[in-house]
Amino acid sequence: MQERTFIVSVVIITAVFIGVTVAMQNNNAPAIRQMAEQQSQLITLLRKIDTYLSEGQVGAGGQPVFNAKFAELDKKLTEMLDIYHKVEKQAEAVKQQQQQPQRAQPSEEYTKVHEIPVAESTIKGVQDAPITITSFVDFQCPFSARFQPVIDAVLEAYPQKVNYVLKHFPLGFHSMAKPSGRAVQAAGEQGKYWEMVDLILKNSRTLSDEKFEEFAKDLGLNIKKFKKSYADEDGKWEKLIQADYDLGMKVGVRGTPTYYLNGRKTRSRTLEAFKQEIDEILSKPAE
């Protein structure tokens, strides 16, 4: 009778062993790990019982050692089955969760409209255009340089409907980003703001103080006046650049360039993508 019960126990343990093996491949839950530990203990116990049966070992009072070990085996099996049922419930809960349809939520990052003041910035295009593109730019960023022609194409496509504002967002690892901002602002005092922007972006890999002076000469600026303004002795450009940077951090700028259409962040980086968004805005009744 004991041998028969023992065989049944082995069959049960084998079935549980298979279940644990499969479960462990897909789950790292605490109950699974606990069950695996119980399984290891059971295998060790089974080996001992097999030895006792084959050698006919007896314990105190002449009782076969197997009787005591079988009681221990029965206890281990009960514990293991309890854990197994717990694992089944966890697996069912996970299955139900996975079967629930996942609803895609619109990202707040691209739906929120931010207030982005432009009073201190130079506007390119008509002042009262219904749509303003605002960009946060690092003058040493190759992507800022790459996408600037796209902005120019947008302004050409919508000469009366779109204007453009550039905000400074110098990244810490670009040593010439802030000096570039000062050079742009200094050129702006002589009416050559956007011309200096274009020159700096087209030469973003070779920027230096000497280069800025060279650009100023090419633009026909008063060099003495330019150099004095570029030096920023009273710190006004430093304050303006820092204010732009702080604003960028506030409205969620994470890299350059970052573009906003009437205060809403956009993923558009091509003329076609910008036109699609702009046309949609223009098609809505004015508030």
C-alpha atoms as a PDB file:
ATOM      1  CA  MET A   1       0.000   0.000   0.000  1.00  0.00           C
ATOM      2  CA  GLN A   2       2.808   2.359   0.928  1.00  0.00           C
ATOM      3  CA  GLU A   3       4.631   1.614  -2.297  1.00  0.00           C
ATOM      4  CA  ARG A   4       1.443   2.385  -4.255  1.00  0.00           C
ATOM      5  CA  THR A   5       0.916   5.649  -2.408  1.00  0.00           C
ATOM      6  CA  PHE A   6       4.541   6.508  -2.953  1.00  0.00           C
ATOM      7  CA  ILE A   7       4.192   6.003  -6.713  1.00  0.00           C
ATOM      8  CA  VAL A   8       1.097   8.236  -6.780  1.00  0.00           C
ATOM      9  CA  SER A   9       3.060  10.913  -4.904  1.00  0.00           C
ATOM     10  CA  VAL A  10       5.865  10.713  -7.429  1.00  0.00           C
ATOM     11  CA  VAL A  11       3.396  11.154 -10.272  1.00  0.00           C
ATOM     12  CA  ILE A  12       1.916  14.236  -8.575  1.00  0.00           C
ATOM     13  CA  ILE A  13       5.333  15.741  -7.982  1.00  0.00           C
ATOM     14  CA  THR A  14       6.314  15.097 -11.598  1.00  0.00           C
ATOM     15  CA  ALA A  15       3.205  16.900 -12.835  1.00  0.00           C
ATOM     16  CA  VAL A  16       3.879  19.822 -10.520  1.00  0.00           C
ATOM     17  CA  PHE A  17       7.512  19.857 -11.637  1.00  0.00           C
ATOM     18  CA  ILE A  18       6.438  20.279 -15.265  1.00  0.00           C
ATOM     19  CA  GLY A  19       4.016  23.043 -14.292  1.00  0.00           C
ATOM     20  CA  VAL A  20       6.682  24.918 -12.357  1.00  0.00           C
ATOM     21  CA  THR A  21       9.188  24.605 -15.182  1.00  0.00           C
ATOM     22  CA  VAL A  22       6.749  26.117 -17.685  1.00  0.00           C
ATOM     23  CA  ALA A  23       5.663  28.851 -15.292  1.00  0.00           C
ATOM     24  CA  MET A  24       9.221  29.853 -14.472  1.00  0.00           C
ATOM     25  CA  GLN A  25       9.885  30.532 -18.133  1.00  0.00           C
ATOM     26  CA  ASN A  26       7.211  33.248 -18.150  1.00  0.00           C
ATOM     27  CA  ASN A  27       7.021  34.544 -14.616  1.00  0.00           C
ATOM     28  CA  ASN A  28       9.393  35.627 -11.900  1.00  0.00           C
ATOM     29  CA  ALA A  29       6.759  36.029  -9.189  1.00  0.00           C
ATOM     30  CA  PRO A  30       7.704  35.310  -5.535  1.00  0.00           C
ATOM     31  CA  ALA A  31       5.224  32.413  -5.403  1.00  0.00           C
ATOM     32  CA  ILE A  32       6.942  30.773  -8.363  1.00  0.00           C
ATOM     33  CA  ARG A  33      10.332  31.064  -6.701  1.00  0.00           C
ATOM     34  CA  GLN A  34       8.901  29.687  -3.459  1.00  0.00           C
ATOM     35  CA  MET A  35       7.385  26.787  -5.337  1.00  0.00           C
ATOM     36  CA  ALA A  36      10.670  26.027  -7.050  1.00  0.00           C
ATOM     37  CA  GLU A  37      12.410  25.887  -3.657  1.00  0.00           C
ATOM     38  CA  GLN A  38       9.759  23.453  -2.369  1.00  0.00           C
ATOM     39  CA  GLN A  39      10.242  21.374  -5.498  1.00  0.00           C
ATOM     40  CA  SER A  40      13.978  21.148  -4.886  1.00  0.00           C
ATOM     41  CA  GLN A  41      13.391  20.007  -1.310  1.00  0.00           C
ATOM     42  CA  LEU A  42      10.907  17.375  -2.502  1.00  0.00           C
ATOM     43  CA  ILE A  43      13.349  15.931  -5.007  1.00  0.00           C
ATOM     44  CA  THR A  44      15.983  15.601  -2.277  1.00  0.00           C
ATOM     45  CA  LEU A  45      13.421  13.919  -0.006  1.00  0.00           C
ATOM     46  CA  LEU A  46      12.362  11.486  -2.733  1.00  0.00           C
ATOM     47  CA  ARG A  47      15.952  10.407  -3.242  1.00  0.00           C
ATOM     48  CA  LYS A  48      16.285   9.646   0.470  1.00  0.00           C
ATOM     49  CA  ILE A  49      13.055   7.639   0.486  1.00  0.00           C
ATOM     50  CA  ASP A  50      14.223   5.659  -2.515  1.00  0.00           C
ATOM     51  CA  THR A  51      17.402   4.790  -0.598  1.00  0.00           C
ATOM     52  CA  TYR A  52      15.430   3.753   2.495  1.00  0.00           C
ATOM     53  CA  LEU A  53      13.129   1.515   0.418  1.00  0.00           C
ATOM     54  CA  SER A  54      15.955  -0.185  -1.433  1.00  0.00           C
ATOM     55  CA  GLU A  55      17.975  -0.791   1.732  1.00  0.00           C
ATOM     56  CA  GLY A  56      15.011  -1.642   3.982  1.00  0.00           C
ATOM     57  CA  GLN A  57      16.197   0.766   6.684  1.00  0.00           C
ATOM     58  CA  VAL A  58      14.272   0.844   9.995  1.00  0.00           C
ATOM     59  CA  GLY A  59      14.129   3.399  12.745  1.00  0.00           C
ATOM     60  CA  ALA A  60      13.128   3.442  16.416  1.00  0.00           C
ATOM     61  CA  GLY A  61      10.730   0.664  17.459  1.00  0.00           C
ATOM     62  CA  GLY A  62      11.449  -1.306  14.341  1.00  0.00           C
ATOM     63  CA  GLN A  63       9.264   0.966  12.175  1.00  0.00           C
ATOM     64  CA  PRO A  64      10.497   1.524   8.633  1.00  0.00           C
ATOM     65  CA  VAL A  65      12.167   4.891   8.213  1.00  0.00           C
ATOM     66  CA  PHE A  66       9.940   5.281   5.153  1.00  0.00           C
ATOM     67  CA  ASN A  67       6.869   5.911   7.377  1.00  0.00           C
ATOM     68  CA  ALA A  68       8.392   9.038   8.903  1.00  0.00           C
ATOM     69  CA  LYS A  69       9.699  10.259   5.592  1.00  0.00           C
ATOM     70  CA  PHE A  70       6.350   9.670   3.938  1.00  0.00           C
ATOM     71  CA  ALA A  71       4.668  11.882   6.529  1.00  0.00           C
ATOM     72  CA  GLU A  72       7.217  14.562   5.767  1.00  0.00           C
ATOM     73  CA  LEU A  73       6.604  14.056   2.051  1.00  0.00           C
ATOM     74  CA  ASP A  74       2.849  14.401   2.537  1.00  0.00           C
ATOM     75  CA  LYS A  75       3.357  17.707   4.370  1.00  0.00           C
ATOM     76  CA  LYS A  76       5.647  19.034   1.657  1.00  0.00           C
ATOM     77  CA  LEU A  77       3.143  18.061  -1.021  1.00  0.00           C
ATOM     78  CA  THR A  78       0.358  19.909   0.774  1.00  0.00           C
ATOM     79  CA  GLU A  79       2.481  23.045   1.049  1.00  0.00           C
ATOM     80  CA  MET A  80       3.489  22.812  -2.570  1.00  0.00           C
ATOM     81  CA  LEU A  81      -0.078  22.366  -3.801  1.00  0.00           C
ATOM     82  CA  ASP A  82      -1.166  25.424  -1.823  1.00  0.00           C
ATOM     83  CA  ILE A  83       1.543  27.444  -3.546  1.00  0.00           C
ATOM     84  CA  TYR A  84       0.565  25.952  -6.890  1.00  0.00           C
ATOM     85  CA  HIS A  85      -3.030  27.151  -6.468  1.00  0.00           C
ATOM     86  CA  LYS A  86      -1.726  30.603  -5.565  1.00  0.00           C
ATOM     87  CA  VAL A  87       0.343  30.635  -8.752  1.00  0.00           C
ATOM     88  CA  GLU A  88      -2.685  29.592 -10.793  1.00  0.00           C
ATOM     89  CA  LYS A  89      -4.659  32.566  -9.446  1.00  0.00           C
ATOM     90  CA  GLN A  90      -1.785  34.946 -10.218  1.00  0.00           C
ATOM     91  CA  ALA A  91      -1.455  33.574 -13.752  1.00  0.00           C
ATOM     92  CA  GLU A  92      -5.187  33.970 -14.358  1.00  0.00           C
ATOM     93  CA  ALA A  93      -5.113  37.562 -13.118  1.00  0.00           C
ATOM     94  CA  VAL A  94      -2.197  38.373 -15.440  1.00  0.00           C
ATOM     95  CA  LYS A  95      -3.996  36.704 -18.356  1.00  0.00           C
ATOM     96  CA  GLN A  96      -7.152  38.757 -17.795  1.00  0.00           C
ATOM     97  CA  GLN A  97      -5.121  41.954 -17.555  1.00  0.00           C
ATOM     98  CA  GLN A  98      -3.325  41.194 -20.803  1.00  0.00           C
ATOM     99  CA  GLN A  99      -6.622  40.515 -22.576  1.00  0.00           C
ATOM    100  CA  GLN A 100      -8.016  43.936 -21.688  1.00  0.00           C
ATOM    101  CA  PRO A 101      -7.795  46.348 -24.639  1.00  0.00           C
ATOM    102  CA  GLN A 102      -5.121  48.972 -24.213  1.00  0.00           C
ATOM    103  CA  ARG A 103      -6.397  52.462 -24.950  1.00  0.00           C
ATOM    104  CA  ALA A 104      -3.867  54.835 -26.441  1.00  0.00           C
ATOM    105  CA  GLN A 105      -3.932  58.094 -24.533  1.00  0.00           C
ATOM    106  CA  PRO A 106      -2.945  61.307 -26.299  1.00  0.00           C
ATOM    107  CA  SER A 107       0.310  62.661 -24.944  1.00  0.00           C
ATOM    108  CA  GLU A 108      -0.241  65.813 -22.900  1.00  0.00           C
ATOM    109  CA  GLU A 109       3.154  66.949 -24.131  1.00  0.00           C
ATOM    110  CA  TYR A 110       1.698  67.531 -27.621  1.00  0.00           C
ATOM    111  CA  THR A 111      -1.778  68.747 -26.655  1.00  0.00           C
ATOM    112  CA  LYS A 112      -1.017  71.322 -23.987  1.00  0.00           C
ATOM    113  CA  VAL A 113      -0.832  74.931 -25.126  1.00  0.00           C
ATOM    114  CA  HIS A 114       1.919  76.887 -23.381  1.00  0.00           C
ATOM    115  CA  GLU A 115       2.181  80.608 -22.954  1.00  0.00           C
ATOM    116  CA  ILE A 116       5.396  81.565 -24.747  1.00  0.00           C
ATOM    117  CA  PRO A 117       5.953  85.340 -24.665  1.00  0.00           C
ATOM    118  CA  VAL A 118       7.815  86.845 -27.613  1.00  0.00           C
ATOM    119  CA  ALA A 119       8.167  90.462 -26.451  1.00  0.00           C
ATOM    120  CA  GLU A 120      11.952  90.248 -26.029  1.00  0.00           C
ATOM    121  CA  SER A 121      12.504  88.221 -29.185  1.00  0.00           C
ATOM    122  CA  THR A 122      13.046  89.242 -32.796  1.00  0.00           C
ATOM    123  CA  ILE A 123      10.143  88.202 -35.025  1.00  0.00           C
ATOM    124  CA  LYS A 124      10.708  87.020 -38.587  1.00  0.00           C
ATOM    125  CA  GLY A 125       7.727  87.661 -40.841  1.00  0.00           C
ATOM    126  CA  VAL A 126       4.608  89.775 -40.391  1.00  0.00           C
ATOM    127  CA  GLN A 127       4.059  90.843 -36.791  1.00  0.00           C
ATOM    128  CA  ASP A 128       0.338  90.057 -36.616  1.00  0.00           C
ATOM    129  CA  ALA A 129       0.380  86.646 -38.316  1.00  0.00           C
ATOM    130  CA  PRO A 130      -2.250  84.250 -36.896  1.00  0.00           C
ATOM    131  CA  ILE A 131       0.335  81.498 -36.442  1.00  0.00           C
ATOM    132  CA  THR A 132       3.679  81.783 -34.693  1.00  0.00           C
ATOM    133  CA  ILE A 133       6.338  79.112 -34.906  1.00  0.00           C
ATOM    134  CA  THR A 134       8.635  79.291 -31.897  1.00  0.00           C
ATOM    135  CA  SER A 135      11.846  77.294 -31.892  1.00  0.00           C
ATOM    136  CA  PHE A 136      14.286  76.629 -29.062  1.00  0.00           C
ATOM    137  CA  VAL A 137      17.707  76.410 -30.687  1.00  0.00           C
ATOM    138  CA  ASP A 138      21.289  75.562 -29.780  1.00  0.00           C
ATOM    139  CA  PHE A 139      23.533  77.168 -32.405  1.00  0.00           C
ATOM    140  CA  GLN A 140      26.060  74.319 -32.237  1.00  0.00           C
ATOM    141  CA  CYS A 141      23.387  71.640 -32.586  1.00  0.00           C
ATOM    142  CA  PRO A 142      23.600  70.022 -36.049  1.00  0.00           C
ATOM    143  CA  PHE A 143      19.853  69.329 -36.009  1.00  0.00           C
ATOM    144  CA  SER A 144      19.076  72.982 -35.367  1.00  0.00           C
ATOM    145  CA  ALA A 145      21.103  73.761 -38.486  1.00  0.00           C
ATOM    146  CA  ARG A 146      19.519  70.947 -40.498  1.00  0.00           C
ATOM    147  CA  PHE A 147      15.907  72.019 -39.927  1.00  0.00           C
ATOM    148  CA  GLN A 148      16.329  75.789 -40.309  1.00  0.00           C
ATOM    149  CA  PRO A 149      15.752  75.623 -44.102  1.00  0.00           C
ATOM    150  CA  VAL A 150      12.429  73.896 -43.386  1.00  0.00           C
ATOM    151  CA  ILE A 151      11.304  76.868 -41.292  1.00  0.00           C
ATOM    152  CA  ASP A 152      12.348  79.244 -44.069  1.00  0.00           C
ATOM    153  CA  ALA A 153      10.300  77.185 -46.544  1.00  0.00           C
ATOM    154  CA  VAL A 154       7.252  77.356 -44.266  1.00  0.00           C
ATOM    155  CA  LEU A 155       7.540  81.156 -44.014  1.00  0.00           C
ATOM    156  CA  GLU A 156       7.820  81.367 -47.802  1.00  0.00           C
ATOM    157  CA  ALA A 157       4.720  79.185 -48.210  1.00  0.00           C
ATOM    158  CA  TYR A 158       2.665  81.280 -45.738  1.00  0.00           C
ATOM    159  CA  PRO A 159       4.056  84.835 -45.995  1.00  0.00           C
ATOM    160  CA  GLN A 160       1.003  86.486 -44.416  1.00  0.00           C
ATOM    161  CA  LYS A 161      -0.108  83.697 -42.109  1.00  0.00           C
ATOM    162  CA  VAL A 162       3.016  82.517 -40.257  1.00  0.00           C
ATOM    163  CA  ASN A 163       5.832  84.247 -38.433  1.00  0.00           C
ATOM    164  CA  TYR A 164       8.833  82.849 -36.592  1.00  0.00           C
ATOM    165  CA  VAL A 165      10.526  83.436 -33.260  1.00  0.00           C
ATOM    166  CA  LEU A 166      13.837  81.939 -32.161  1.00  0.00           C
ATOM    167  CA  LYS A 167      14.567  81.265 -28.487  1.00  0.00           C
ATOM    168  CA  HIS A 168      18.029  80.492 -27.146  1.00  0.00           C
ATOM    169  CA  PHE A 169      18.510  77.062 -25.578  1.00  0.00           C
ATOM    170  CA  PRO A 170      22.283  76.544 -25.237  1.00  0.00           C
ATOM    171  CA  LEU A 171      23.207  73.025 -24.188  1.00  0.00           C
ATOM    172  CA  GLY A 172      25.891  72.719 -21.518  1.00  0.00           C
ATOM    173  CA  PHE A 173      28.225  70.574 -23.622  1.00  0.00           C
ATOM    174  CA  HIS A 174      28.384  73.135 -26.465  1.00  0.00           C
ATOM    175  CA  SER A 175      30.916  75.738 -25.405  1.00  0.00           C
ATOM    176  CA  MET A 176      30.130  78.146 -28.268  1.00  0.00           C
ATOM    177  CA  ALA A 177      26.337  78.018 -27.951  1.00  0.00           C
ATOM    178  CA  LYS A 178      26.041  80.972 -25.583  1.00  0.00           C
ATOM    179  CA  PRO A 179      28.673  83.078 -27.423  1.00  0.00           C
ATOM    180  CA  SER A 180      26.693  82.400 -30.607  1.00  0.00           C
ATOM    181  CA  GLY A 181      23.614  83.784 -28.911  1.00  0.00           C
ATOM    182  CA  ARG A 182      25.525  86.934 -27.964  1.00  0.00           C
ATOM    183  CA  ALA A 183      26.790  87.305 -31.537  1.00  0.00           C
ATOM    184  CA  VAL A 184      23.255  87.037 -32.898  1.00  0.00           C
ATOM    185  CA  GLN A 185      21.924  89.608 -30.445  1.00  0.00           C
ATOM    186  CA  ALA A 186      24.845  91.965 -31.141  1.00  0.00           C
ATOM    187  CA  ALA A 187      24.210  91.709 -34.886  1.00  0.00           C
ATOM    188  CA  GLY A 188      20.537  92.364 -34.239  1.00  0.00           C
ATOM    189  CA  GLU A 189      21.388  95.767 -32.806  1.00  0.00           C
ATOM    190  CA  GLN A 190      22.540  96.691 -36.302  1.00  0.00           C
ATOM    191  CA  GLY A 191      19.551  95.106 -38.051  1.00  0.00           C
ATOM    192  CA  LYS A 192      21.288  91.858 -39.075  1.00  0.00           C
ATOM    193  CA  TYR A 193      19.815  89.421 -36.559  1.00  0.00           C
ATOM    194  CA  TRP A 194      18.509  86.787 -38.977  1.00  0.00           C
ATOM    195  CA  GLU A 195      21.483  87.118 -41.304  1.00  0.00           C
ATOM    196  CA  MET A 196      23.792  86.280 -38.395  1.00  0.00           C
ATOM    197  CA  VAL A 197      21.522  83.374 -37.388  1.00  0.00           C
ATOM    198  CA  ASP A 198      21.872  81.899 -40.883  1.00  0.00           C
ATOM    199  CA  LEU A 199      25.655  82.323 -40.990  1.00  0.00           C
ATOM    200  CA  ILE A 200      26.176  80.751 -37.584  1.00  0.00           C
ATOM    201  CA  LEU A 201      23.904  77.783 -38.295  1.00  0.00           C
ATOM    202  CA  LYS A 202      25.579  77.148 -41.653  1.00  0.00           C
ATOM    203  CA  ASN A 203      28.997  77.155 -39.948  1.00  0.00           C
ATOM    204  CA  SER A 204      27.973  75.516 -36.665  1.00  0.00           C
ATOM    205  CA  ARG A 205      31.001  73.191 -36.614  1.00  0.00           C
ATOM    206  CA  THR A 206      33.655  75.901 -36.830  1.00  0.00           C
ATOM    207  CA  LEU A 207      32.440  78.618 -34.475  1.00  0.00           C
ATOM    208  CA  SER A 208      34.831  80.922 -32.625  1.00  0.00           C
ATOM    209  CA  ASP A 209      35.178  84.553 -31.572  1.00  0.00           C
ATOM    210  CA  GLU A 210      37.230  85.183 -34.707  1.00  0.00           C
ATOM    211  CA  LYS A 211      34.508  83.615 -36.854  1.00  0.00           C
ATOM    212  CA  PHE A 212      31.859  85.887 -35.354  1.00  0.00           C
ATOM    213  CA  GLU A 213      33.965  88.931 -36.203  1.00  0.00           C
ATOM    214  CA  GLU A 214      34.463  87.562 -39.723  1.00  0.00           C
ATOM    215  CA  PHE A 215      30.693  87.125 -40.103  1.00  0.00           C
ATOM    216  CA  ALA A 216      30.133  90.674 -38.841  1.00  0.00           C
ATOM    217  CA  LYS A 217      32.506  92.000 -41.535  1.00  0.00           C
ATOM    218  CA  ASP A 218      30.736  89.944 -44.206  1.00  0.00           C
ATOM    219  CA  LEU A 219      27.441  91.475 -43.109  1.00  0.00           C
ATOM    220  CA  GLY A 220      28.878  94.978 -43.260  1.00  0.00           C
ATOM    221  CA  LEU A 221      28.485  95.678 -39.565  1.00  0.00           C
ATOM    222  CA  ASN A 222      30.325  98.335 -37.596  1.00  0.00           C
ATOM    223  CA  ILE A 223      32.962  96.011 -36.141  1.00  0.00           C
ATOM    224  CA  LYS A 224      33.838  98.208 -33.160  1.00  0.00           C
ATOM    225  CA  LYS A 225      30.193  98.471 -32.153  1.00  0.00           C
ATOM    226  CA  PHE A 226      29.642  94.754 -32.783  1.00  0.00           C
ATOM    227  CA  LYS A 227      32.614  93.696 -30.630  1.00  0.00           C
ATOM    228  CA  LYS A 228      31.510  95.942 -27.791  1.00  0.00           C
ATOM    229  CA  SER A 229      27.975  94.553 -27.862  1.00  0.00           C
ATOM    230  CA  TYR A 230      29.228  90.976 -28.237  1.00  0.00           C
ATOM    231  CA  ALA A 231      31.408  91.385 -25.131  1.00  0.00           C
ATOM    232  CA  ASP A 232      28.139  91.897 -23.221  1.00  0.00           C
ATOM    233  CA  GLU A 233      29.794  93.988 -20.550  1.00  0.00           C
ATOM    234  CA  ASP A 234      26.512  94.778 -18.801  1.00  0.00           C
ATOM    235  CA  GLY A 235      25.268  91.183 -19.060  1.00  0.00           C
ATOM    236  CA  LYS A 236      22.027  91.999 -20.904  1.00  0.00           C
ATOM    237  CA  TRP A 237      22.477  89.239 -23.488  1.00  0.00           C
ATOM    238  CA  GLU A 238      23.422  86.746 -20.783  1.00  0.00           C
ATOM    239  CA  LYS A 239      20.170  87.553 -18.965  1.00  0.00           C
ATOM    240  CA  LEU A 240      18.103  87.282 -22.134  1.00  0.00           C
ATOM    241  CA  ILE A 241      19.656  83.938 -23.103  1.00  0.00           C
ATOM    242  CA  GLN A 242      19.152  82.577 -19.582  1.00  0.00           C
ATOM    243  CA  ALA A 243      15.522  83.752 -19.596  1.00  0.00           C
ATOM    244  CA  ASP A 244      14.936  81.887 -22.879  1.00  0.00           C
ATOM    245  CA  TYR A 245      16.559  78.777 -21.467  1.00  0.00           C
ATOM    246  CA  ASP A 246      14.456  78.916 -18.299  1.00  0.00           C
ATOM    247  CA  LEU A 247      11.330  79.347 -20.391  1.00  0.00           C
ATOM    248  CA  GLY A 248      12.297  76.319 -22.470  1.00  0.00           C
ATOM    249  CA  MET A 249      12.677  74.204 -19.355  1.00  0.00           C
ATOM    250  CA  LYS A 250       9.277  75.407 -18.149  1.00  0.00           C
ATOM    251  CA  VAL A 251       7.449  74.462 -21.357  1.00  0.00           C
ATOM    252  CA  GLY A 252       9.051  71.031 -21.693  1.00  0.00           C
ATOM    253  CA  VAL A 253      12.021  71.468 -24.024  1.00  0.00           C
ATOM    254  CA  ARG A 254      14.186  68.337 -23.826  1.00  0.00           C
ATOM    255  CA  GLY A 255      16.474  68.844 -26.787  1.00  0.00           C
ATOM    256  CA  THR A 256      17.147  71.082 -29.759  1.00  0.00           C
ATOM    257  CA  PRO A 257      15.542  72.108 -31.901  1.00  0.00           C
ATOM    258  CA  THR A 258      12.080  72.008 -30.310  1.00  0.00           C
ATOM    259  CA  TYR A 259       9.227  73.701 -32.168  1.00  0.00           C
ATOM    260  CA  TYR A 260       5.899  75.103 -31.020  1.00  0.00           C
ATOM    261  CA  LEU A 261       2.914  76.172 -33.116  1.00  0.00           C
ATOM    262  CA  ASN A 262       0.995  78.856 -31.248  1.00  0.00           C
ATOM    263  CA  GLY A 263       2.382  77.479 -28.002  1.00  0.00           C
ATOM    264  CA  ARG A 264       1.721  73.793 -28.699  1.00  0.00           C
ATOM    265  CA  LYS A 265       4.707  71.491 -29.151  1.00  0.00           C
ATOM    266  CA  THR A 266       4.865  69.857 -32.573  1.00  0.00           C
ATOM    267  CA  ARG A 267       6.623  66.801 -33.986  1.00  0.00           C
ATOM    268  CA  SER A 268       6.701  68.350 -37.475  1.00  0.00           C
ATOM    269  CA  ARG A 269      10.126  68.512 -39.088  1.00  0.00           C
ATOM    270  CA  THR A 270       9.243  68.655 -42.786  1.00  0.00           C
ATOM    271  CA  LEU A 271       7.483  71.273 -44.905  1.00  0.00           C
ATOM    272  CA  GLU A 272       4.631  68.841 -45.604  1.00  0.00           C
ATOM    273  CA  ALA A 273       4.094  68.068 -41.915  1.00  0.00           C
ATOM    274  CA  PHE A 274       4.122  71.740 -40.962  1.00  0.00           C
ATOM    275  CA  LYS A 275       1.685  72.575 -43.772  1.00  0.00           C
ATOM    276  CA  GLN A 276      -0.731  69.909 -42.590  1.00  0.00           C
ATOM    277  CA  GLU A 277      -0.794  71.320 -39.062  1.00  0.00           C
ATOM    278  CA  ILE A 278      -0.900  74.938 -40.217  1.00  0.00           C
ATOM    279  CA  ASP A 279      -3.767  74.290 -42.639  1.00  0.00           C
ATOM    280  CA  GLU A 280      -5.718  72.579 -39.876  1.00  0.00           C
ATOM    281  CA  ILE A 281      -5.256  75.605 -37.573  1.00  0.00           C
ATOM    282  CA  LEU A 282      -6.216  78.049 -40.331  1.00  0.00           C
ATOM    283  CA  SER A 283      -9.343  76.048 -41.180  1.00  0.00           C
ATOM    284  CA  LYS A 284     -10.779  76.550 -37.703  1.00  0.00           C
ATOM    285  CA  PRO A 285     -12.914  79.622 -37.008  1.00  0.00           C
ATOM    286  CA  ALA A 286     -11.025  82.419 -35.264  1.00  0.00           C
ATOM    287  CA  GLU A 287     -11.867  82.639 -31.563  1.00  0.00           C
END
